[in-house]
Protein backbone atom coordinates (compact mmCIF):
# COMPACT_ATOMS: atom_id res chain seq x y z
CA UNK A 1 3.10 -50.57 -33.32
CA UNK A 2 2.60 -46.40 -33.70
CA UNK A 3 -1.23 -47.13 -32.59
CA UNK A 4 0.03 -48.91 -29.33
CA UNK A 5 -1.45 -47.48 -26.08
CA UNK A 6 -1.14 -48.70 -22.61
CA UNK A 7 -4.48 -50.47 -21.36
CA UNK A 8 -6.17 -49.46 -18.13
CA UNK A 9 -5.27 -52.31 -15.46
CA UNK A 10 -7.05 -50.66 -12.56
CA UNK A 11 -10.36 -50.57 -11.13
CA UNK A 12 -9.75 -47.33 -8.78
CA UNK A 13 -7.30 -44.45 -8.51
CA UNK A 14 -7.16 -42.48 -5.26
CA UNK A 15 -5.22 -39.80 -3.80
CA UNK A 16 -3.20 -40.75 -0.69
CA UNK A 17 -1.14 -38.78 1.81
CA UNK A 18 1.76 -40.45 2.80
CA UNK A 19 4.81 -39.35 4.91
CA UNK A 20 6.86 -37.81 2.28
CA UNK A 21 3.76 -35.98 0.85
CA UNK A 22 0.39 -36.74 -1.36
CA UNK A 23 0.59 -39.28 -3.99
CA UNK A 24 -1.60 -41.18 -6.43
CA UNK A 25 -2.20 -44.94 -6.11
CA UNK A 26 -3.69 -47.57 -8.49
CA UNK A 27 -5.62 -50.38 -6.59
CA UNK A 28 -3.04 -49.77 -3.85
CA UNK A 29 0.11 -49.26 -6.18
CA UNK A 30 1.60 -46.13 -6.14
CA UNK A 31 2.00 -44.18 -9.56
CA UNK A 32 5.49 -43.41 -10.68
CA UNK A 33 6.94 -40.64 -13.18
CA UNK A 34 8.69 -42.10 -16.47
CA UNK A 35 11.93 -41.45 -14.86
CA UNK A 36 10.73 -44.14 -12.13
CA UNK A 37 10.66 -41.29 -9.44
CA UNK A 38 8.00 -41.16 -6.83
CA UNK A 39 4.90 -39.05 -7.77
CA UNK A 40 4.85 -36.89 -4.73
CA UNK A 41 2.53 -33.81 -5.23
CA UNK A 42 2.17 -30.56 -3.64
CA UNK A 43 -1.20 -30.50 -2.57
CA UNK A 44 -4.30 -32.67 -1.44
CA UNK A 45 -6.57 -30.91 -4.44
CA UNK A 46 -3.59 -31.20 -7.07
CA UNK A 47 -3.49 -35.08 -5.86
CA UNK A 48 -7.28 -35.56 -6.09
CA UNK A 49 -7.05 -33.68 -9.43
CA UNK A 50 -4.41 -36.00 -10.87
CA UNK A 51 -6.17 -39.05 -9.47
CA UNK A 52 -9.37 -37.89 -11.07
CA UNK A 53 -7.47 -37.92 -14.54
CA UNK A 54 -6.41 -41.50 -13.88
CA UNK A 55 -10.07 -42.93 -12.86
CA UNK A 56 -11.18 -41.11 -16.01
CA UNK A 57 -9.04 -43.36 -18.47
CA UNK A 58 -11.40 -45.78 -20.06
CA UNK A 59 -9.80 -48.89 -22.18
CA UNK A 60 -6.57 -47.55 -22.77
CA UNK A 61 -4.90 -44.57 -21.55
CA UNK A 62 -4.58 -41.53 -23.30
CA UNK A 63 -2.00 -38.81 -22.21
CA UNK A 64 -3.72 -36.18 -24.15
CA UNK A 65 -6.26 -36.29 -21.35
CA UNK A 66 -4.04 -35.97 -18.44
CA UNK A 67 -2.69 -32.53 -18.70
CA UNK A 68 -1.93 -32.52 -15.04
CA UNK A 69 -0.30 -35.85 -14.55
CA UNK A 70 2.34 -34.72 -17.57
CA UNK A 71 2.53 -31.16 -15.57
CA UNK A 72 3.69 -33.33 -12.46
CA UNK A 73 5.80 -35.70 -14.41
CA UNK A 74 7.58 -32.56 -16.05
CA UNK A 75 7.86 -30.88 -12.68
CA UNK A 76 9.53 -34.01 -10.75
CA UNK A 77 11.62 -35.51 -13.89
CA UNK A 78 12.95 -32.43 -15.27
CA UNK A 79 12.16 -28.84 -13.80
CA UNK A 80 13.02 -29.99 -10.34
CA UNK A 81 16.68 -30.74 -11.66
CA UNK A 82 16.95 -27.62 -13.85
CA UNK A 83 15.25 -25.12 -11.93
CA UNK A 84 17.54 -22.22 -12.59
CA UNK A 85 17.75 -22.58 -16.14
CA UNK A 86 13.86 -22.82 -16.68
CA UNK A 87 13.49 -19.79 -14.48
CA UNK A 88 16.12 -17.87 -16.10
CA UNK A 89 14.37 -18.56 -19.27
CA UNK A 90 11.10 -17.58 -18.55
CA UNK A 91 12.46 -14.26 -16.93
CA UNK A 92 13.96 -13.21 -20.33
CA UNK A 93 10.40 -12.72 -21.58
CA UNK A 94 10.38 -9.66 -19.68
CA UNK A 95 13.12 -8.18 -21.91
CA UNK A 96 10.63 -8.74 -24.83
CA UNK A 97 7.32 -8.71 -23.25
CA UNK A 98 4.46 -8.70 -25.77
CA UNK A 99 2.62 -5.71 -23.56
CA UNK A 100 5.43 -3.32 -24.60
CA UNK A 101 5.34 -3.40 -28.31
CA UNK A 102 2.51 -1.35 -29.85
CA UNK A 103 1.15 -0.27 -33.08
CA UNK A 104 0.89 3.33 -34.12
CA UNK A 105 -2.03 2.59 -36.56
CA UNK A 106 -4.62 1.90 -37.11
CA UNK A 107 -5.97 3.99 -34.24
CA UNK A 108 -8.61 1.17 -33.18
CA UNK A 109 -5.95 -1.35 -32.93
CA UNK A 110 -3.59 0.73 -30.84
CA UNK A 111 -6.54 1.88 -28.61
CA UNK A 112 -7.30 -1.79 -28.01
CA UNK A 113 -3.73 -2.59 -26.86
CA UNK A 114 -3.54 0.57 -24.61
CA UNK A 115 -6.92 -0.41 -22.85
CA UNK A 116 -6.03 -3.78 -22.43
CA UNK A 117 -2.25 -3.64 -21.73
CA UNK A 118 -1.55 -0.30 -19.77
CA UNK A 119 -3.30 -1.32 -16.65
CA UNK A 120 -1.19 -4.44 -16.59
CA UNK A 121 1.95 -2.68 -16.85
CA UNK A 122 0.94 -0.04 -14.22
CA UNK A 123 0.10 -2.89 -11.91
CA UNK A 124 3.45 -4.52 -12.63
CA UNK A 125 5.17 -1.44 -11.78
CA UNK A 126 3.31 -0.84 -8.27
CA UNK A 127 3.31 -4.54 -7.48
CA UNK A 128 6.83 -5.25 -8.31
CA UNK A 129 8.57 -1.87 -8.50
CA UNK A 130 9.18 -2.86 -12.11
CA UNK A 131 8.06 -0.20 -14.75
CA UNK A 132 8.58 -1.35 -18.06
CA UNK A 133 8.93 0.99 -21.22
CA UNK A 134 6.69 0.91 -24.20
CA UNK A 135 7.51 1.76 -28.06
CA UNK A 136 5.84 1.47 -31.70
CA UNK A 137 6.94 -1.29 -33.82
CA UNK A 138 9.13 -4.58 -33.34
CA UNK A 139 12.39 -3.41 -32.98
CA UNK A 140 14.11 -4.51 -29.37
CA UNK A 141 13.33 -1.99 -26.82
CA UNK A 142 15.70 -2.20 -23.94
CA UNK A 143 14.08 -2.56 -20.71
CA UNK A 144 15.31 -1.07 -16.95
CA UNK A 145 18.00 -3.51 -15.66
CA UNK A 146 16.31 -3.03 -11.95
CA UNK A 147 12.72 -3.69 -13.51
CA UNK A 148 14.09 -6.82 -15.33
CA UNK A 149 15.92 -8.15 -11.83
CA UNK A 150 12.71 -7.58 -9.88
CA UNK A 151 10.32 -9.54 -12.38
CA UNK A 152 13.10 -12.54 -12.57
CA UNK A 153 13.17 -12.51 -8.73
CA UNK A 154 9.32 -13.30 -8.67
CA UNK A 155 10.13 -16.34 -11.30
CA UNK A 156 13.09 -17.67 -9.59
CA UNK A 157 10.93 -17.82 -6.08
CA UNK A 158 8.52 -20.41 -7.67
CA UNK A 159 8.76 -23.89 -6.63
CA UNK A 160 9.28 -26.65 -9.45
CA UNK A 161 5.55 -27.50 -9.69
CA UNK A 162 4.56 -23.67 -9.57
CA UNK A 163 7.20 -23.14 -12.44
CA UNK A 164 6.07 -25.92 -14.76
CA UNK A 165 2.56 -24.49 -14.49
CA UNK A 166 3.95 -20.73 -14.97
CA UNK A 167 5.78 -22.10 -18.02
CA UNK A 168 2.68 -22.59 -19.98
CA UNK A 169 1.08 -19.29 -18.86
CA UNK A 170 4.19 -17.36 -20.05
CA UNK A 171 5.00 -19.12 -23.49
CA UNK A 172 1.42 -19.41 -24.41
CA UNK A 173 0.55 -15.72 -23.70
CA UNK A 174 4.15 -14.18 -24.55
CA UNK A 175 3.95 -12.08 -21.66
CA UNK A 176 5.97 -12.35 -18.40
CA UNK A 177 3.56 -9.61 -17.09
CA UNK A 178 0.35 -11.32 -18.04
CA UNK A 179 1.64 -14.61 -16.60
CA UNK A 180 2.50 -12.81 -13.19
CA UNK A 181 -0.82 -10.94 -13.22
CA UNK A 182 -2.61 -14.19 -13.82
CA UNK A 183 -1.07 -15.99 -10.58
CA UNK A 184 -1.45 -13.01 -8.38
CA UNK A 185 -5.00 -12.59 -9.02
CA UNK A 186 -4.65 -9.11 -10.60
CA UNK A 187 -6.65 -10.43 -13.72
CA UNK A 188 -8.85 -13.61 -14.60
CA UNK A 189 -7.25 -16.30 -16.83
CA UNK A 190 -9.91 -15.43 -19.35
CA UNK A 191 -9.38 -11.89 -19.38
CA UNK A 192 -5.52 -12.52 -19.61
CA UNK A 193 -6.17 -14.90 -22.72
CA UNK A 194 -7.92 -12.23 -24.27
CA UNK A 195 -5.31 -9.57 -23.32
CA UNK A 196 -2.89 -11.91 -25.04
CA UNK A 197 -4.89 -11.94 -28.25
CA UNK A 198 -5.44 -8.36 -28.73
CA UNK A 199 -3.72 -8.51 -32.19
CA UNK A 200 -4.73 -11.76 -33.42
CA UNK A 201 -8.63 -10.75 -32.62
CA UNK A 202 -8.16 -7.42 -34.37
CA UNK A 203 -6.96 -9.35 -37.73
CA UNK A 204 -9.72 -11.73 -37.48
CA UNK A 205 -12.16 -8.98 -37.41
CA UNK A 206 -10.56 -7.21 -40.36
CA UNK A 207 -10.22 -9.95 -42.48
CA UNK A 208 -12.18 -12.63 -41.16
CA UNK A 209 -10.94 -15.81 -39.05
CA UNK A 210 -9.15 -18.52 -40.59
CA UNK A 211 -10.75 -22.08 -39.43
CA UNK A 212 -6.93 -23.61 -39.02
CA UNK A 213 -5.84 -20.67 -36.78
CA UNK A 214 -8.93 -20.63 -34.71
CA UNK A 215 -8.50 -24.46 -34.31
CA UNK A 216 -4.94 -23.63 -33.14
CA UNK A 217 -6.07 -21.00 -30.79
CA UNK A 218 -8.65 -22.76 -28.86
CA UNK A 219 -6.04 -25.65 -28.02
CA UNK A 220 -3.85 -23.01 -26.70
CA UNK A 221 -6.59 -21.36 -24.88
CA UNK A 222 -7.49 -24.53 -23.28
CA UNK A 223 -3.81 -25.11 -22.33
CA UNK A 224 -3.44 -21.52 -20.94
CA UNK A 225 -6.60 -22.06 -18.43
CA UNK A 226 -5.33 -25.67 -17.47
CA UNK A 227 -1.78 -24.22 -16.52
CA UNK A 228 -3.91 -21.58 -14.32
CA UNK A 229 -6.21 -24.17 -12.82
CA UNK A 230 -2.98 -26.19 -12.35
CA UNK A 231 -1.36 -23.23 -10.39
CA UNK A 232 -4.37 -22.89 -8.04
CA UNK A 233 -4.48 -26.73 -7.34
CA UNK A 234 -0.66 -26.58 -6.49
CA UNK A 235 -1.06 -23.70 -4.17
CA UNK A 236 -4.37 -25.12 -2.53
CA UNK A 237 -4.18 -25.86 1.33
């Protein structure tokens, strides 16, 4: 029973615009979320991409190959009903942002952190009026309350679909600033991923790459890039 997977029963999946918004239909039948809600999607581009995931299924349905569908289900069934709580949780990353905790030594690691992270903090300070302090080590570093409030306002302004994609950008990178920089186009998603991996990449250069860790990192990278793609499709006109 554990190996059971639903079989493909449809011939064609298509994105359809209705009076309520965009949705996906399988042979004319509207797709529902796991909670049986209407799958109403925020843009034509996003709906077409979701329809593409359904069309790509072969004999059985593999949810692992349908990240945009999963994101839509989460946005509708979960995030929309607890938006404030999710936004507050993600906003808390500003108080412990990866970019604010630096190494004092070795010098090449400290230099790499500064080169990748300082421009992002400067951008955030200018873009949102939200300067953040940096310090050495891992002890908690209190941040200016006004800066945290300004960053939180940006997060709370995202709608349920945007917040669902933003969730992965923040939690995978460990940085609220990196996630905000990505969705505002201040950094490419590939460069953002690299910036979030300064410490891990330095360790790999020093001691060699662990195959299991590398495999996990590859999965996280794919999920990070998918979250950025989803956010872009959600906001597409």
